[in-house]
Amino acid sequence: MKSSSMPRLTFWYEFASTYSYLSAMRIEALAEAKGVEVAWKPFLLGPIFGAQGWNTSPFNLYPAKGRYMWRDMERQCTKYGIPFEKPDTSDGGWPRNSVKAARLAIVGLEEGWGKAFSRAVYTGEFVDQADISADGFLHDCVAGAGGNPASALESIASEACKAKLRANTDAAIAARIFGAPSFTVGDELFWGDDRLEDALDWAACG
């Protein structure tokens, strides 16, 4: 059982975030090696982007940046040995709606299956071409992670669950977060998968 005195890092992630996939698949092993406890915090980037006048991902708003990102994801996944298949973006539905998945992750983190669920969602999205907003897909991810799909899917319609996701997003804004993945250690903010190791080192050094 982990001690409450362990150094602690908060991992802020969005299911519509490509680079969050990299961090979600790497963070637990890296944190364990550093003796750092990780608090997973799903949130929504939509309100943060909206405050900047963006109605979609910056990777859509700036096509050159988007092309670079997809190629970079291929390189990084190869580097880390993480499977990757570029999602089909031809239908204009990218990024996929991540609200249901984020609410389910909150339920799962409270019940003990949230991390496995989150990794399953990312795998579906960035390996299996899945629509992460589809109830059938989410049902299977909850079941595979050890949760009760019927109960979980029912609970995310509650005002209490919706409020928790809003609270996470408000907390991210209060922490000055502007993108995902982000990592906080106290008041110290690190942004991007390429800063994961730095964030863990900062936490480990106290």
C-alpha atoms as a PDB file:
ATOM      1  CA  MET A   1       0.000   0.000   0.000  1.00  0.00           C
ATOM      2  CA  LYS A   2       1.347   3.400  -0.963  1.00  0.00           C
ATOM      3  CA  SER A   3       2.289   5.755   1.829  1.00  0.00           C
ATOM      4  CA  SER A   4       0.548   9.105   2.023  1.00  0.00           C
ATOM      5  CA  SER A   5       4.010  10.631   2.565  1.00  0.00           C
ATOM      6  CA  MET A   6       5.107   9.684  -0.964  1.00  0.00           C
ATOM      7  CA  PRO A   7       5.885  12.570  -3.330  1.00  0.00           C
ATOM      8  CA  ARG A   8       2.788  13.347  -5.368  1.00  0.00           C
ATOM      9  CA  LEU A   9       2.205  14.475  -8.930  1.00  0.00           C
ATOM     10  CA  THR A  10      -1.122  15.308 -10.573  1.00  0.00           C
ATOM     11  CA  PHE A  11      -1.596  14.116 -14.148  1.00  0.00           C
ATOM     12  CA  TRP A  12      -4.108  16.254 -16.046  1.00  0.00           C
ATOM     13  CA  TYR A  13      -5.307  14.536 -19.205  1.00  0.00           C
ATOM     14  CA  GLU A  14      -7.895  14.881 -21.961  1.00  0.00           C
ATOM     15  CA  PHE A  15      -9.107  11.975 -24.049  1.00  0.00           C
ATOM     16  CA  ALA A  16      -9.097  14.164 -27.167  1.00  0.00           C
ATOM     17  CA  SER A  17      -5.392  14.902 -26.602  1.00  0.00           C
ATOM     18  CA  THR A  18      -2.953  12.897 -28.699  1.00  0.00           C
ATOM     19  CA  TYR A  19       0.047  13.508 -26.477  1.00  0.00           C
ATOM     20  CA  SER A  20      -1.946  12.567 -23.379  1.00  0.00           C
ATOM     21  CA  TYR A  21      -2.062   9.065 -24.863  1.00  0.00           C
ATOM     22  CA  LEU A  22       1.716   8.856 -24.666  1.00  0.00           C
ATOM     23  CA  SER A  23       1.750   9.950 -21.033  1.00  0.00           C
ATOM     24  CA  ALA A  24      -1.134   7.711 -19.983  1.00  0.00           C
ATOM     25  CA  MET A  25       0.704   4.671 -21.297  1.00  0.00           C
ATOM     26  CA  ARG A  26       4.034   5.581 -19.652  1.00  0.00           C
ATOM     27  CA  ILE A  27       3.371   7.418 -16.413  1.00  0.00           C
ATOM     28  CA  GLU A  28       2.709   4.613 -13.940  1.00  0.00           C
ATOM     29  CA  ALA A  29       5.916   2.673 -14.604  1.00  0.00           C
ATOM     30  CA  LEU A  30       8.008   5.848 -14.592  1.00  0.00           C
ATOM     31  CA  ALA A  31       6.378   7.114 -11.407  1.00  0.00           C
ATOM     32  CA  GLU A  32       6.880   3.803  -9.629  1.00  0.00           C
ATOM     33  CA  ALA A  33      10.578   3.880 -10.496  1.00  0.00           C
ATOM     34  CA  LYS A  34      10.831   7.371  -8.998  1.00  0.00           C
ATOM     35  CA  GLY A  35       8.741   6.578  -5.920  1.00  0.00           C
ATOM     36  CA  VAL A  36       6.105   9.142  -6.898  1.00  0.00           C
ATOM     37  CA  GLU A  37       2.354   8.775  -6.401  1.00  0.00           C
ATOM     38  CA  VAL A  38       0.212   9.894  -9.340  1.00  0.00           C
ATOM     39  CA  ALA A  39      -3.250  11.425  -9.089  1.00  0.00           C
ATOM     40  CA  TRP A  40      -5.055  11.099 -12.422  1.00  0.00           C
ATOM     41  CA  LYS A  41      -7.304  14.067 -13.290  1.00  0.00           C
ATOM     42  CA  PRO A  42      -9.427  13.931 -16.446  1.00  0.00           C
ATOM     43  CA  PHE A  43     -10.665  17.331 -17.593  1.00  0.00           C
ATOM     44  CA  LEU A  44     -11.970  19.080 -20.697  1.00  0.00           C
ATOM     45  CA  LEU A  45      -9.919  21.352 -22.920  1.00  0.00           C
ATOM     46  CA  GLY A  46     -12.999  22.773 -24.675  1.00  0.00           C
ATOM     47  CA  PRO A  47     -13.685  25.545 -22.142  1.00  0.00           C
ATOM     48  CA  ILE A  48      -9.984  26.440 -22.038  1.00  0.00           C
ATOM     49  CA  PHE A  49      -9.742  26.624 -25.811  1.00  0.00           C
ATOM     50  CA  GLY A  50     -13.041  28.505 -25.970  1.00  0.00           C
ATOM     51  CA  ALA A  51     -11.665  31.207 -23.682  1.00  0.00           C
ATOM     52  CA  GLN A  52      -8.931  31.734 -26.281  1.00  0.00           C
ATOM     53  CA  GLY A  53     -11.470  32.012 -29.098  1.00  0.00           C
ATOM     54  CA  TRP A  54     -10.848  28.514 -30.483  1.00  0.00           C
ATOM     55  CA  ASN A  55     -13.801  26.315 -31.394  1.00  0.00           C
ATOM     56  CA  THR A  56     -11.699  23.207 -32.101  1.00  0.00           C
ATOM     57  CA  SER A  57      -8.228  21.791 -31.577  1.00  0.00           C
ATOM     58  CA  PRO A  58      -5.316  24.040 -32.547  1.00  0.00           C
ATOM     59  CA  PHE A  59      -4.109  21.115 -34.644  1.00  0.00           C
ATOM     60  CA  ASN A  60      -7.215  21.643 -36.792  1.00  0.00           C
ATOM     61  CA  LEU A  61      -6.954  25.419 -36.784  1.00  0.00           C
ATOM     62  CA  TYR A  62      -3.341  25.312 -37.973  1.00  0.00           C
ATOM     63  CA  PRO A  63      -3.025  22.509 -40.572  1.00  0.00           C
ATOM     64  CA  ALA A  64       0.772  22.641 -40.714  1.00  0.00           C
ATOM     65  CA  LYS A  65       0.896  22.123 -36.962  1.00  0.00           C
ATOM     66  CA  GLY A  66      -1.566  19.245 -37.293  1.00  0.00           C
ATOM     67  CA  ARG A  67       0.493  17.483 -39.966  1.00  0.00           C
ATOM     68  CA  TYR A  68       3.572  17.848 -37.802  1.00  0.00           C
ATOM     69  CA  MET A  69       1.766  16.470 -34.753  1.00  0.00           C
ATOM     70  CA  TRP A  70       0.620  13.277 -36.490  1.00  0.00           C
ATOM     71  CA  ARG A  71       4.110  12.582 -37.798  1.00  0.00           C
ATOM     72  CA  ASP A  72       5.565  13.348 -34.380  1.00  0.00           C
ATOM     73  CA  MET A  73       3.125  10.923 -32.773  1.00  0.00           C
ATOM     74  CA  GLU A  74       4.382   8.197 -35.117  1.00  0.00           C
ATOM     75  CA  ARG A  75       7.972   8.933 -34.141  1.00  0.00           C
ATOM     76  CA  GLN A  76       7.284   9.108 -30.414  1.00  0.00           C
ATOM     77  CA  CYS A  77       5.232   5.920 -30.344  1.00  0.00           C
ATOM     78  CA  THR A  78       7.989   4.104 -32.191  1.00  0.00           C
ATOM     79  CA  LYS A  79      10.514   5.481 -29.697  1.00  0.00           C
ATOM     80  CA  TYR A  80       8.509   4.298 -26.688  1.00  0.00           C
ATOM     81  CA  GLY A  81       7.285   1.031 -28.195  1.00  0.00           C
ATOM     82  CA  ILE A  82       3.656   2.151 -27.962  1.00  0.00           C
ATOM     83  CA  PRO A  83       1.249   0.988 -30.700  1.00  0.00           C
ATOM     84  CA  PHE A  84      -0.252   3.735 -32.825  1.00  0.00           C
ATOM     85  CA  GLU A  85      -2.615   4.013 -35.767  1.00  0.00           C
ATOM     86  CA  LYS A  86      -3.598   7.493 -36.881  1.00  0.00           C
ATOM     87  CA  PRO A  87      -7.350   7.961 -36.395  1.00  0.00           C
ATOM     88  CA  ASP A  88      -9.458   8.612 -39.473  1.00  0.00           C
ATOM     89  CA  THR A  89      -9.911  12.375 -39.557  1.00  0.00           C
ATOM     90  CA  SER A  90     -11.500  12.551 -43.001  1.00  0.00           C
ATOM     91  CA  ASP A  91     -15.046  12.869 -41.668  1.00  0.00           C
ATOM     92  CA  GLY A  92     -14.284  16.108 -39.842  1.00  0.00           C
ATOM     93  CA  GLY A  93     -15.188  14.503 -36.546  1.00  0.00           C
ATOM     94  CA  TRP A  94     -11.771  14.837 -35.009  1.00  0.00           C
ATOM     95  CA  PRO A  95     -11.211  15.283 -32.153  1.00  0.00           C
ATOM     96  CA  ARG A  96     -13.927  12.916 -30.924  1.00  0.00           C
ATOM     97  CA  ASN A  97     -16.291  14.041 -28.200  1.00  0.00           C
ATOM     98  CA  SER A  98     -14.614  13.060 -24.934  1.00  0.00           C
ATOM     99  CA  VAL A  99     -17.228  14.125 -22.371  1.00  0.00           C
ATOM    100  CA  LYS A 100     -18.699  10.689 -21.628  1.00  0.00           C
ATOM    101  CA  ALA A 101     -15.283   9.081 -21.414  1.00  0.00           C
ATOM    102  CA  ALA A 102     -14.072  11.758 -19.010  1.00  0.00           C
ATOM    103  CA  ARG A 103     -17.095  11.324 -16.750  1.00  0.00           C
ATOM    104  CA  LEU A 104     -16.631   7.561 -16.758  1.00  0.00           C
ATOM    105  CA  ALA A 105     -12.965   7.994 -15.880  1.00  0.00           C
ATOM    106  CA  ILE A 106     -13.982  10.035 -12.837  1.00  0.00           C
ATOM    107  CA  VAL A 107     -16.348   7.273 -11.730  1.00  0.00           C
ATOM    108  CA  GLY A 108     -13.691   4.675 -12.361  1.00  0.00           C
ATOM    109  CA  LEU A 109     -10.992   6.531 -10.458  1.00  0.00           C
ATOM    110  CA  GLU A 110     -13.313   6.647  -7.456  1.00  0.00           C
ATOM    111  CA  GLU A 111     -14.022   2.907  -7.770  1.00  0.00           C
ATOM    112  CA  GLY A 112     -10.516   1.702  -8.561  1.00  0.00           C
ATOM    113  CA  TRP A 113     -10.736   0.913 -12.285  1.00  0.00           C
ATOM    114  CA  GLY A 114     -10.218   4.382 -13.738  1.00  0.00           C
ATOM    115  CA  LYS A 115      -6.596   4.081 -14.790  1.00  0.00           C
ATOM    116  CA  ALA A 116      -7.155   0.843 -16.687  1.00  0.00           C
ATOM    117  CA  PHE A 117     -10.272   2.331 -18.246  1.00  0.00           C
ATOM    118  CA  SER A 118      -8.400   5.451 -19.342  1.00  0.00           C
ATOM    119  CA  ARG A 119      -5.681   3.415 -20.996  1.00  0.00           C
ATOM    120  CA  ALA A 120      -8.329   1.304 -22.749  1.00  0.00           C
ATOM    121  CA  VAL A 121     -10.032   4.400 -24.130  1.00  0.00           C
ATOM    122  CA  TYR A 122      -6.744   5.739 -25.441  1.00  0.00           C
ATOM    123  CA  THR A 123      -5.902   2.385 -27.013  1.00  0.00           C
ATOM    124  CA  GLY A 124      -9.278   2.288 -28.709  1.00  0.00           C
ATOM    125  CA  GLU A 125      -8.807   5.807 -29.988  1.00  0.00           C
ATOM    126  CA  PHE A 126      -5.194   5.654 -31.149  1.00  0.00           C
ATOM    127  CA  VAL A 127      -4.825   2.013 -32.127  1.00  0.00           C
ATOM    128  CA  ASP A 128      -8.243   0.589 -32.985  1.00  0.00           C
ATOM    129  CA  GLN A 129      -9.909   3.551 -34.747  1.00  0.00           C
ATOM    130  CA  ALA A 130     -12.744   3.535 -32.202  1.00  0.00           C
ATOM    131  CA  ASP A 131     -15.312   6.264 -31.651  1.00  0.00           C
ATOM    132  CA  ILE A 132     -14.707   7.046 -27.977  1.00  0.00           C
ATOM    133  CA  SER A 133     -18.122   8.693 -27.629  1.00  0.00           C
ATOM    134  CA  ALA A 134     -19.990   5.477 -28.509  1.00  0.00           C
ATOM    135  CA  ASP A 135     -21.812   3.787 -25.634  1.00  0.00           C
ATOM    136  CA  GLY A 136     -20.933   0.295 -26.857  1.00  0.00           C
ATOM    137  CA  PHE A 137     -17.243   1.070 -26.942  1.00  0.00           C
ATOM    138  CA  LEU A 138     -17.337   2.697 -23.503  1.00  0.00           C
ATOM    139  CA  HIS A 139     -19.324  -0.241 -22.118  1.00  0.00           C
ATOM    140  CA  ASP A 140     -16.559  -2.614 -23.229  1.00  0.00           C
ATOM    141  CA  CYS A 141     -13.827  -0.375 -21.786  1.00  0.00           C
ATOM    142  CA  VAL A 142     -15.536  -0.258 -18.382  1.00  0.00           C
ATOM    143  CA  ALA A 143     -16.052  -4.031 -18.367  1.00  0.00           C
ATOM    144  CA  GLY A 144     -12.473  -4.687 -19.405  1.00  0.00           C
ATOM    145  CA  ALA A 145     -11.192  -2.417 -16.642  1.00  0.00           C
ATOM    146  CA  GLY A 146     -13.199  -4.273 -14.003  1.00  0.00           C
ATOM    147  CA  GLY A 147     -16.122  -1.910 -13.558  1.00  0.00           C
ATOM    148  CA  ASN A 148     -19.882  -2.398 -13.818  1.00  0.00           C
ATOM    149  CA  PRO A 149     -20.815  -0.938 -17.219  1.00  0.00           C
ATOM    150  CA  ALA A 150     -24.552  -0.570 -16.586  1.00  0.00           C
ATOM    151  CA  SER A 151     -24.042   1.191 -13.269  1.00  0.00           C
ATOM    152  CA  ALA A 152     -21.225   3.385 -14.571  1.00  0.00           C
ATOM    153  CA  LEU A 153     -23.067   4.497 -17.701  1.00  0.00           C
ATOM    154  CA  GLU A 154     -26.122   5.310 -15.624  1.00  0.00           C
ATOM    155  CA  SER A 155     -24.108   7.323 -13.111  1.00  0.00           C
ATOM    156  CA  ILE A 156     -22.536   9.663 -15.676  1.00  0.00           C
ATOM    157  CA  ALA A 157     -25.948  11.155 -16.435  1.00  0.00           C
ATOM    158  CA  SER A 158     -26.242  12.382 -12.847  1.00  0.00           C
ATOM    159  CA  GLU A 159     -25.759  16.022 -11.979  1.00  0.00           C
ATOM    160  CA  ALA A 160     -23.221  14.982  -9.353  1.00  0.00           C
ATOM    161  CA  CYS A 161     -20.971  13.327 -11.921  1.00  0.00           C
ATOM    162  CA  LYS A 162     -21.313  16.247 -14.340  1.00  0.00           C
ATOM    163  CA  ALA A 163     -20.382  18.618 -11.525  1.00  0.00           C
ATOM    164  CA  LYS A 164     -17.226  16.631 -10.762  1.00  0.00           C
ATOM    165  CA  LEU A 165     -15.995  16.956 -14.335  1.00  0.00           C
ATOM    166  CA  ARG A 166     -16.752  20.677 -14.298  1.00  0.00           C
ATOM    167  CA  ALA A 167     -14.859  20.947 -11.020  1.00  0.00           C
ATOM    168  CA  ASN A 168     -11.843  19.184 -12.514  1.00  0.00           C
ATOM    169  CA  THR A 169     -11.891  21.556 -15.477  1.00  0.00           C
ATOM    170  CA  ASP A 170     -12.227  24.594 -13.198  1.00  0.00           C
ATOM    171  CA  ALA A 171      -9.336  23.278 -11.109  1.00  0.00           C
ATOM    172  CA  ALA A 172      -7.232  22.912 -14.258  1.00  0.00           C
ATOM    173  CA  ILE A 173      -7.963  26.517 -15.191  1.00  0.00           C
ATOM    174  CA  ALA A 174      -7.085  27.637 -11.657  1.00  0.00           C
ATOM    175  CA  ALA A 175      -3.792  25.743 -11.982  1.00  0.00           C
ATOM    176  CA  ARG A 176      -3.008  27.813 -15.136  1.00  0.00           C
ATOM    177  CA  ILE A 177      -3.279  24.754 -17.371  1.00  0.00           C
ATOM    178  CA  PHE A 178      -3.657  25.563 -21.078  1.00  0.00           C
ATOM    179  CA  GLY A 179      -3.102  22.184 -22.715  1.00  0.00           C
ATOM    180  CA  ALA A 180      -2.835  18.457 -22.170  1.00  0.00           C
ATOM    181  CA  PRO A 181      -1.136  16.524 -20.883  1.00  0.00           C
ATOM    182  CA  SER A 182      -0.063  18.678 -17.988  1.00  0.00           C
ATOM    183  CA  PHE A 183       1.507  17.765 -14.685  1.00  0.00           C
ATOM    184  CA  THR A 184       1.478  19.719 -11.462  1.00  0.00           C
ATOM    185  CA  VAL A 185       3.610  19.303  -8.386  1.00  0.00           C
ATOM    186  CA  GLY A 186       2.235  21.749  -5.862  1.00  0.00           C
ATOM    187  CA  ASP A 187       2.174  25.051  -7.725  1.00  0.00           C
ATOM    188  CA  GLU A 188       4.735  23.941 -10.291  1.00  0.00           C
ATOM    189  CA  LEU A 189       3.324  23.328 -13.783  1.00  0.00           C
ATOM    190  CA  PHE A 190       4.812  21.140 -16.521  1.00  0.00           C
ATOM    191  CA  TRP A 191       3.151  20.925 -19.947  1.00  0.00           C
ATOM    192  CA  GLY A 192       3.497  18.214 -22.546  1.00  0.00           C
ATOM    193  CA  ASP A 193       4.473  14.555 -22.648  1.00  0.00           C
ATOM    194  CA  ASP A 194       8.074  15.620 -23.211  1.00  0.00           C
ATOM    195  CA  ARG A 195       8.058  17.139 -19.727  1.00  0.00           C
ATOM    196  CA  LEU A 196       6.765  14.033 -17.946  1.00  0.00           C
ATOM    197  CA  GLU A 197      10.195  12.908 -16.782  1.00  0.00           C
ATOM    198  CA  ASP A 198      11.055  16.431 -15.635  1.00  0.00           C
ATOM    199  CA  ALA A 199       7.837  16.618 -13.623  1.00  0.00           C
ATOM    200  CA  LEU A 200       8.549  13.275 -11.970  1.00  0.00           C
ATOM    201  CA  ASP A 201      12.102  14.354 -11.125  1.00  0.00           C
ATOM    202  CA  TRP A 202      10.742  17.574  -9.590  1.00  0.00           C
ATOM    203  CA  ALA A 203       8.260  15.619  -7.492  1.00  0.00           C
ATOM    204  CA  ALA A 204      10.847  13.060  -6.416  1.00  0.00           C
ATOM    205  CA  CYS A 205      13.271  15.755  -5.316  1.00  0.00           C
ATOM    206  CA  GLY A 206      10.574  17.377  -3.201  1.00  0.00           C
END
